[in-house]
């Protein structure tokens, strides 16, 4: 499974293969929907250290979860 994280300012997309087991609620309304956690994942996907100084929100990063060619969850616009 691929967990794609897009930085909505730069448009850069990074991919993690080993996040959580997929749960749509977790990414849409649970803890996985918060930018503070997504910022950590984005940094991890880029081999960077995580920054914890930023404020929480829900607009800085979007997610898409894929299982092969099948999109299981997406906040990316078509």
PDB file of N, CA and C in Angstrom:
ATOM      1  N   UNK A   1       0.840  -1.167   0.000  1.00  0.00           N
ATOM      2  CA  UNK A   1       0.000   0.000   0.000  1.00  0.00           C
ATOM      3  C   UNK A   1       0.891   1.236   0.000  1.00  0.00           C
ATOM      4  N   UNK A   2       0.490   2.256  -0.731  1.00  0.00           N
ATOM      5  CA  UNK A   2       1.239   3.509  -0.797  1.00  0.00           C
ATOM      6  C   UNK A   2       0.422   4.617  -0.152  1.00  0.00           C
ATOM      7  N   UNK A   3       1.052   5.377   0.719  1.00  0.00           N
ATOM      8  CA  UNK A   3       0.439   6.518   1.369  1.00  0.00           C
ATOM      9  C   UNK A   3       1.106   7.760   0.801  1.00  0.00           C
ATOM     10  N   UNK A   4       0.401   8.465  -0.080  1.00  0.00           N
ATOM     11  CA  UNK A   4       0.944   9.638  -0.769  1.00  0.00           C
ATOM     12  C   UNK A   4       0.545  10.891   0.001  1.00  0.00           C
ATOM     13  N   UNK A   5       1.523  11.743   0.275  1.00  0.00           N
ATOM     14  CA  UNK A   5       1.304  12.964   1.040  1.00  0.00           C
ATOM     15  C   UNK A   5       1.742  14.140   0.175  1.00  0.00           C
ATOM     16  N   UNK A   6       0.819  15.076  -0.062  1.00  0.00           N
ATOM     17  CA  UNK A   6       1.139  16.247  -0.891  1.00  0.00           C
ATOM     18  C   UNK A   6       1.225  17.493  -0.025  1.00  0.00           C
ATOM     19  N   UNK A   7       2.323  18.226  -0.176  1.00  0.00           N
ATOM     20  CA  UNK A   7       2.470  19.542   0.432  1.00  0.00           C
ATOM     21  C   UNK A   7       1.684  20.499  -0.454  1.00  0.00           C
ATOM     22  N   UNK A   8       0.624  21.086   0.055  1.00  0.00           N
ATOM     23  CA  UNK A   8      -0.263  21.910  -0.767  1.00  0.00           C
ATOM     24  C   UNK A   8       0.326  23.263  -1.129  1.00  0.00           C
ATOM     25  N   UNK A   9       1.425  23.659  -0.509  1.00  0.00           N
ATOM     26  CA  UNK A   9       2.087  24.905  -0.883  1.00  0.00           C
ATOM     27  C   UNK A   9       2.998  24.671  -2.086  1.00  0.00           C
ATOM     28  N   UNK A  10       3.803  23.626  -2.018  1.00  0.00           N
ATOM     29  CA  UNK A  10       4.776  23.367  -3.082  1.00  0.00           C
ATOM     30  C   UNK A  10       4.252  22.423  -4.160  1.00  0.00           C
ATOM     31  N   UNK A  11       3.232  21.612  -3.825  1.00  0.00           N
ATOM     32  CA  UNK A  11       2.720  20.609  -4.758  1.00  0.00           C
ATOM     33  C   UNK A  11       3.531  19.324  -4.759  1.00  0.00           C
ATOM     34  N   UNK A  12       4.597  19.271  -3.968  1.00  0.00           N
ATOM     35  CA  UNK A  12       5.434  18.065  -3.912  1.00  0.00           C
ATOM     36  C   UNK A  12       4.670  16.918  -3.257  1.00  0.00           C
ATOM     37  N   UNK A  13       4.777  15.738  -3.849  1.00  0.00           N
ATOM     38  CA  UNK A  13       4.161  14.534  -3.311  1.00  0.00           C
ATOM     39  C   UNK A  13       5.261  13.567  -2.909  1.00  0.00           C
ATOM     40  N   UNK A  14       5.155  13.050  -1.705  1.00  0.00           N
ATOM     41  CA  UNK A  14       6.082  12.034  -1.208  1.00  0.00           C
ATOM     42  C   UNK A  14       5.274  10.794  -0.836  1.00  0.00           C
ATOM     43  N   UNK A  15       5.944   9.645  -0.844  1.00  0.00           N
ATOM     44  CA  UNK A  15       5.245   8.378  -0.622  1.00  0.00           C
ATOM     45  C   UNK A  15       5.874   7.605   0.521  1.00  0.00           C
ATOM     46  N   UNK A  16       5.025   7.105   1.401  1.00  0.00           N
ATOM     47  CA  UNK A  16       5.426   6.175   2.455  1.00  0.00           C
ATOM     48  C   UNK A  16       4.719   4.854   2.198  1.00  0.00           C
ATOM     49  N   UNK A  17       5.400   3.771   2.444  1.00  0.00           N
ATOM     50  CA  UNK A  17       4.806   2.454   2.227  1.00  0.00           C
ATOM     51  C   UNK A  17       4.375   1.783   3.524  1.00  0.00           C
ATOM     52  N   UNK A  18       4.736   2.358   4.647  1.00  0.00           N
ATOM     53  CA  UNK A  18       4.531   1.629   5.898  1.00  0.00           C
ATOM     54  C   UNK A  18       3.904   2.471   7.000  1.00  0.00           C
ATOM     55  N   UNK A  19       2.847   3.185   6.698  1.00  0.00           N
ATOM     56  CA  UNK A  19       2.184   3.973   7.734  1.00  0.00           C
ATOM     57  C   UNK A  19       1.364   3.056   8.625  1.00  0.00           C
ATOM     58  N   UNK A  20       0.119   3.330   8.695  1.00  0.00           N
ATOM     59  CA  UNK A  20      -0.817   2.546   9.491  1.00  0.00           C
ATOM     60  C   UNK A  20      -1.554   1.587   8.566  1.00  0.00           C
ATOM     61  N   UNK A  21      -2.193   0.592   9.116  1.00  0.00           N
ATOM     62  CA  UNK A  21      -3.150  -0.128   8.276  1.00  0.00           C
ATOM     63  C   UNK A  21      -4.210   0.885   7.828  1.00  0.00           C
ATOM     64  N   UNK A  22      -4.702   0.750   6.633  1.00  0.00           N
ATOM     65  CA  UNK A  22      -5.634   1.736   6.092  1.00  0.00           C
ATOM     66  C   UNK A  22      -6.966   1.720   6.846  1.00  0.00           C
ATOM     67  N   UNK A  23      -7.405   2.909   7.245  1.00  0.00           N
ATOM     68  CA  UNK A  23      -8.701   3.131   7.872  1.00  0.00           C
ATOM     69  C   UNK A  23      -9.153   4.511   7.403  1.00  0.00           C
ATOM     70  N   UNK A  24     -10.186   4.559   6.585  1.00  0.00           N
ATOM     71  CA  UNK A  24     -10.613   5.825   5.992  1.00  0.00           C
ATOM     72  C   UNK A  24     -10.894   6.890   7.049  1.00  0.00           C
ATOM     73  N   UNK A  25     -11.566   6.533   8.130  1.00  0.00           N
ATOM     74  CA  UNK A  25     -11.872   7.513   9.178  1.00  0.00           C
ATOM     75  C   UNK A  25     -10.600   8.127   9.754  1.00  0.00           C
ATOM     76  N   UNK A  26      -9.577   7.324   9.948  1.00  0.00           N
ATOM     77  CA  UNK A  26      -8.312   7.804  10.506  1.00  0.00           C
ATOM     78  C   UNK A  26      -7.748   8.949   9.669  1.00  0.00           C
ATOM     79  N   UNK A  27      -7.835   8.835   8.328  1.00  0.00           N
ATOM     80  CA  UNK A  27      -7.297   9.859   7.445  1.00  0.00           C
ATOM     81  C   UNK A  27      -8.272  11.002   7.181  1.00  0.00           C
ATOM     82  N   UNK A  28      -9.569  10.755   7.254  1.00  0.00           N
ATOM     83  CA  UNK A  28     -10.532  11.808   6.950  1.00  0.00           C
ATOM     84  C   UNK A  28     -10.884  12.648   8.174  1.00  0.00           C
ATOM     85  N   UNK A  29     -11.025  12.025   9.349  1.00  0.00           N
ATOM     86  CA  UNK A  29     -11.464  12.754  10.537  1.00  0.00           C
ATOM     87  C   UNK A  29     -10.693  12.423  11.806  1.00  0.00           C
ATOM     88  N   UNK A  30      -9.887  11.379  11.786  1.00  0.00           N
ATOM     89  CA  UNK A  30      -9.130  10.973  12.970  1.00  0.00           C
ATOM     90  C   UNK A  30      -7.795  11.687  13.055  1.00  0.00           C
ATOM     91  N   UNK A  31      -6.903  11.156  13.884  1.00  0.00           N
ATOM     92  CA  UNK A  31      -5.597  11.781  14.085  1.00  0.00           C
ATOM     93  C   UNK A  31      -4.791  11.919  12.798  1.00  0.00           C
ATOM     94  N   UNK A  32      -4.988  11.017  11.848  1.00  0.00           N
ATOM     95  CA  UNK A  32      -4.254  11.070  10.586  1.00  0.00           C
ATOM     96  C   UNK A  32      -4.687  12.188   9.668  1.00  0.00           C
ATOM     97  N   UNK A  33      -5.708  12.958  10.070  1.00  0.00           N
ATOM     98  CA  UNK A  33      -6.167  14.074   9.247  1.00  0.00           C
ATOM     99  C   UNK A  33      -5.501  15.391   9.624  1.00  0.00           C
ATOM    100  N   UNK A  34      -4.721  15.399  10.699  1.00  0.00           N
ATOM    101  CA  UNK A  34      -4.115  16.631  11.204  1.00  0.00           C
ATOM    102  C   UNK A  34      -2.775  16.918  10.518  1.00  0.00           C
ATOM    103  N   UNK A  35      -2.584  18.173  10.155  1.00  0.00           N
ATOM    104  CA  UNK A  35      -1.338  18.575   9.495  1.00  0.00           C
ATOM    105  C   UNK A  35      -0.101  18.316  10.348  1.00  0.00           C
ATOM    106  N   UNK A  36      -0.224  18.378  11.672  1.00  0.00           N
ATOM    107  CA  UNK A  36       0.975  18.164  12.493  1.00  0.00           C
ATOM    108  C   UNK A  36       1.512  16.741  12.304  1.00  0.00           C
ATOM    109  N   UNK A  37       0.643  15.756  12.218  1.00  0.00           N
ATOM    110  CA  UNK A  37       1.082  14.382  11.976  1.00  0.00           C
ATOM    111  C   UNK A  37       1.498  14.195  10.517  1.00  0.00           C
ATOM    112  N   UNK A  38       0.759  14.780   9.611  1.00  0.00           N
ATOM    113  CA  UNK A  38       1.112  14.663   8.189  1.00  0.00           C
ATOM    114  C   UNK A  38       2.454  15.316   7.892  1.00  0.00           C
ATOM    115  N   UNK A  39       2.774  16.394   8.601  1.00  0.00           N
ATOM    116  CA  UNK A  39       4.079  17.057   8.424  1.00  0.00           C
ATOM    117  C   UNK A  39       5.207  16.103   8.821  1.00  0.00           C
ATOM    118  N   UNK A  40       5.002  15.346   9.887  1.00  0.00           N
ATOM    119  CA  UNK A  40       5.987  14.353  10.324  1.00  0.00           C
ATOM    120  C   UNK A  40       6.153  13.279   9.255  1.00  0.00           C
ATOM    121  N   UNK A  41       5.034  12.777   8.726  1.00  0.00           N
ATOM    122  CA  UNK A  41       5.099  11.742   7.673  1.00  0.00           C
ATOM    123  C   UNK A  41       5.797  12.274   6.440  1.00  0.00           C
ATOM    124  N   UNK A  42       5.487  13.528   6.061  1.00  0.00           N
ATOM    125  CA  UNK A  42       6.087  14.137   4.872  1.00  0.00           C
ATOM    126  C   UNK A  42       7.599  14.219   5.046  1.00  0.00           C
ATOM    127  N   UNK A  43       8.042  14.659   6.215  1.00  0.00           N
ATOM    128  CA  UNK A  43       9.481  14.740   6.490  1.00  0.00           C
ATOM    129  C   UNK A  43      10.112  13.354   6.453  1.00  0.00           C
ATOM    130  N   UNK A  44       9.454  12.382   7.075  1.00  0.00           N
ATOM    131  CA  UNK A  44       9.966  11.008   7.086  1.00  0.00           C
ATOM    132  C   UNK A  44      10.094  10.456   5.669  1.00  0.00           C
ATOM    133  N   UNK A  45       9.110  10.727   4.826  1.00  0.00           N
ATOM    134  CA  UNK A  45       9.145  10.235   3.445  1.00  0.00           C
ATOM    135  C   UNK A  45      10.296  10.850   2.658  1.00  0.00           C
ATOM    136  N   UNK A  46      10.758  12.023   3.077  1.00  0.00           N
ATOM    137  CA  UNK A  46      11.876  12.688   2.408  1.00  0.00           C
ATOM    138  C   UNK A  46      13.210  12.444   3.090  1.00  0.00           C
ATOM    139  N   UNK A  47      13.211  11.568   4.098  1.00  0.00           N
ATOM    140  CA  UNK A  47      14.449  11.281   4.810  1.00  0.00           C
ATOM    141  C   UNK A  47      14.918  12.421   5.688  1.00  0.00           C
ATOM    142  N   UNK A  48      13.990  13.278   6.083  1.00  0.00           N
ATOM    143  CA  UNK A  48      14.321  14.446   6.892  1.00  0.00           C
ATOM    144  C   UNK A  48      13.893  14.228   8.341  1.00  0.00           C
ATOM    145  N   UNK A  49      14.417  15.046   9.228  1.00  0.00           N
ATOM    146  CA  UNK A  49      13.952  15.048  10.610  1.00  0.00           C
ATOM    147  C   UNK A  49      12.622  15.762  10.697  1.00  0.00           C
ATOM    148  N   UNK A  50      11.789  15.329  11.601  1.00  0.00           N
ATOM    149  CA  UNK A  50      10.466  15.923  11.747  1.00  0.00           C
ATOM    150  C   UNK A  50      10.538  17.247  12.493  1.00  0.00           C
ATOM    151  N   UNK A  51       9.687  18.177  12.087  1.00  0.00           N
ATOM    152  CA  UNK A  51       9.582  19.482  12.739  1.00  0.00           C
ATOM    153  C   UNK A  51       8.297  19.495  13.560  1.00  0.00           C
ATOM    154  N   UNK A  52       8.421  19.822  14.839  1.00  0.00           N
ATOM    155  CA  UNK A  52       7.257  19.830  15.725  1.00  0.00           C
ATOM    156  C   UNK A  52       6.827  21.247  16.096  1.00  0.00           C
ATOM    157  N   UNK A  53       7.398  22.264  15.467  1.00  0.00           N
ATOM    158  CA  UNK A  53       7.122  23.648  15.842  1.00  0.00           C
ATOM    159  C   UNK A  53       5.890  24.226  15.168  1.00  0.00           C
ATOM    160  N   UNK A  54       5.340  23.550  14.203  1.00  0.00           N
ATOM    161  CA  UNK A  54       4.238  24.106  13.428  1.00  0.00           C
ATOM    162  C   UNK A  54       2.899  23.898  14.122  1.00  0.00           C
ATOM    163  N   UNK A  55       1.968  24.750  13.785  1.00  0.00           N
ATOM    164  CA  UNK A  55       0.630  24.725  14.360  1.00  0.00           C
ATOM    165  C   UNK A  55      -0.224  23.665  13.665  1.00  0.00           C
ATOM    166  N   UNK A  56      -1.112  23.076  14.418  1.00  0.00           N
ATOM    167  CA  UNK A  56      -2.028  22.088  13.836  1.00  0.00           C
ATOM    168  C   UNK A  56      -3.006  22.770  12.878  1.00  0.00           C
ATOM    169  N   UNK A  57      -3.526  21.994  11.969  1.00  0.00           N
ATOM    170  CA  UNK A  57      -4.506  22.462  11.009  1.00  0.00           C
ATOM    171  C   UNK A  57      -4.915  21.307  10.135  1.00  0.00           C
ATOM    172  N   UNK A  58      -5.602  21.608   9.047  1.00  0.00           N
ATOM    173  CA  UNK A  58      -6.010  20.533   8.143  1.00  0.00           C
ATOM    174  C   UNK A  58      -6.008  20.969   6.685  1.00  0.00           C
ATOM    175  N   UNK A  59      -5.147  21.935   6.353  1.00  0.00           N
ATOM    176  CA  UNK A  59      -5.104  22.414   4.975  1.00  0.00           C
ATOM    177  C   UNK A  59      -3.724  22.347   4.318  1.00  0.00           C
ATOM    178  N   UNK A  60      -2.674  22.109   5.090  1.00  0.00           N
ATOM    179  CA  UNK A  60      -1.314  22.161   4.546  1.00  0.00           C
ATOM    180  C   UNK A  60      -0.946  20.928   3.729  1.00  0.00           C
ATOM    181  N   UNK A  61      -1.539  19.773   4.065  1.00  0.00           N
ATOM    182  CA  UNK A  61      -1.194  18.521   3.405  1.00  0.00           C
ATOM    183  C   UNK A  61      -2.460  17.755   3.038  1.00  0.00           C
ATOM    184  N   UNK A  62      -2.422  17.107   1.880  1.00  0.00           N
ATOM    185  CA  UNK A  62      -3.497  16.207   1.463  1.00  0.00           C
ATOM    186  C   UNK A  62      -2.938  14.802   1.315  1.00  0.00           C
ATOM    187  N   UNK A  63      -3.816  13.818   1.424  1.00  0.00           N
ATOM    188  CA  UNK A  63      -3.423  12.400   1.380  1.00  0.00           C
ATOM    189  C   UNK A  63      -4.134  11.673   0.244  1.00  0.00           C
ATOM    190  N   UNK A  64      -3.457  10.657  -0.250  1.00  0.00           N
ATOM    191  CA  UNK A  64      -4.071   9.683  -1.152  1.00  0.00           C
ATOM    192  C   UNK A  64      -3.495   8.325  -0.776  1.00  0.00           C
ATOM    193  N   UNK A  65      -4.360   7.333  -0.656  1.00  0.00           N
ATOM    194  CA  UNK A  65      -3.938   5.981  -0.293  1.00  0.00           C
ATOM    195  C   UNK A  65      -4.253   5.075  -1.477  1.00  0.00           C
ATOM    196  N   UNK A  66      -3.233   4.349  -1.925  1.00  0.00           N
ATOM    197  CA  UNK A  66      -3.383   3.463  -3.087  1.00  0.00           C
ATOM    198  C   UNK A  66      -2.975   2.042  -2.731  1.00  0.00           C
ATOM    199  N   UNK A  67      -3.679   1.119  -3.311  1.00  0.00           N
ATOM    200  CA  UNK A  67      -3.305  -0.297  -3.227  1.00  0.00           C
ATOM    201  C   UNK A  67      -3.103  -0.742  -4.664  1.00  0.00           C
ATOM    202  N   UNK A  68      -1.860  -0.679  -5.120  1.00  0.00           N
ATOM    203  CA  UNK A  68      -1.583  -0.932  -6.541  1.00  0.00           C
ATOM    204  C   UNK A  68      -2.180   0.196  -7.362  1.00  0.00           C
ATOM    205  N   UNK A  69      -3.001  -0.149  -8.344  1.00  0.00           N
ATOM    206  CA  UNK A  69      -3.651   0.853  -9.199  1.00  0.00           C
ATOM    207  C   UNK A  69      -4.973   1.347  -8.630  1.00  0.00           C
ATOM    208  N   UNK A  70      -5.398   0.800  -7.502  1.00  0.00           N
ATOM    209  CA  UNK A  70      -6.693   1.146  -6.915  1.00  0.00           C
ATOM    210  C   UNK A  70      -6.502   2.249  -5.871  1.00  0.00           C
ATOM    211  N   UNK A  71      -7.251   3.346  -6.040  1.00  0.00           N
ATOM    212  CA  UNK A  71      -7.221   4.429  -5.080  1.00  0.00           C
ATOM    213  C   UNK A  71      -8.269   4.130  -4.018  1.00  0.00           C
ATOM    214  N   UNK A  72      -7.818   3.957  -2.778  1.00  0.00           N
ATOM    215  CA  UNK A  72      -8.723   3.629  -1.666  1.00  0.00           C
ATOM    216  C   UNK A  72      -9.268   4.884  -1.000  1.00  0.00           C
ATOM    217  N   UNK A  73      -8.485   5.960  -1.028  1.00  0.00           N
ATOM    218  CA  UNK A  73      -8.882   7.209  -0.386  1.00  0.00           C
ATOM    219  C   UNK A  73      -8.111   8.340  -1.053  1.00  0.00           C
ATOM    220  N   UNK A  74      -8.778   9.445  -1.335  1.00  0.00           N
ATOM    221  CA  UNK A  74      -8.060  10.544  -1.960  1.00  0.00           C
ATOM    222  C   UNK A  74      -8.633  11.897  -1.572  1.00  0.00           C
ATOM    223  N   UNK A  75      -7.742  12.810  -1.224  1.00  0.00           N
ATOM    224  CA  UNK A  75      -8.076  14.205  -1.046  1.00  0.00           C
ATOM    225  C   UNK A  75      -7.490  15.027  -2.194  1.00  0.00           C
ATOM    226  N   UNK A  76      -6.794  14.364  -3.107  1.00  0.00           N
ATOM    227  CA  UNK A  76      -6.223  15.046  -4.265  1.00  0.00           C
ATOM    228  C   UNK A  76      -7.363  15.403  -5.216  1.00  0.00           C
ATOM    229  N   UNK A  77      -7.283  16.587  -5.778  1.00  0.00           N
ATOM    230  CA  UNK A  77      -8.270  17.000  -6.783  1.00  0.00           C
ATOM    231  C   UNK A  77      -7.939  16.323  -8.102  1.00  0.00           C
ATOM    232  N   UNK A  78      -8.955  16.017  -8.865  1.00  0.00           N
ATOM    233  CA  UNK A  78      -8.748  15.393 -10.181  1.00  0.00           C
ATOM    234  C   UNK A  78      -8.152  16.370 -11.159  1.00  0.00           C
TER     235      UNK A  78
END
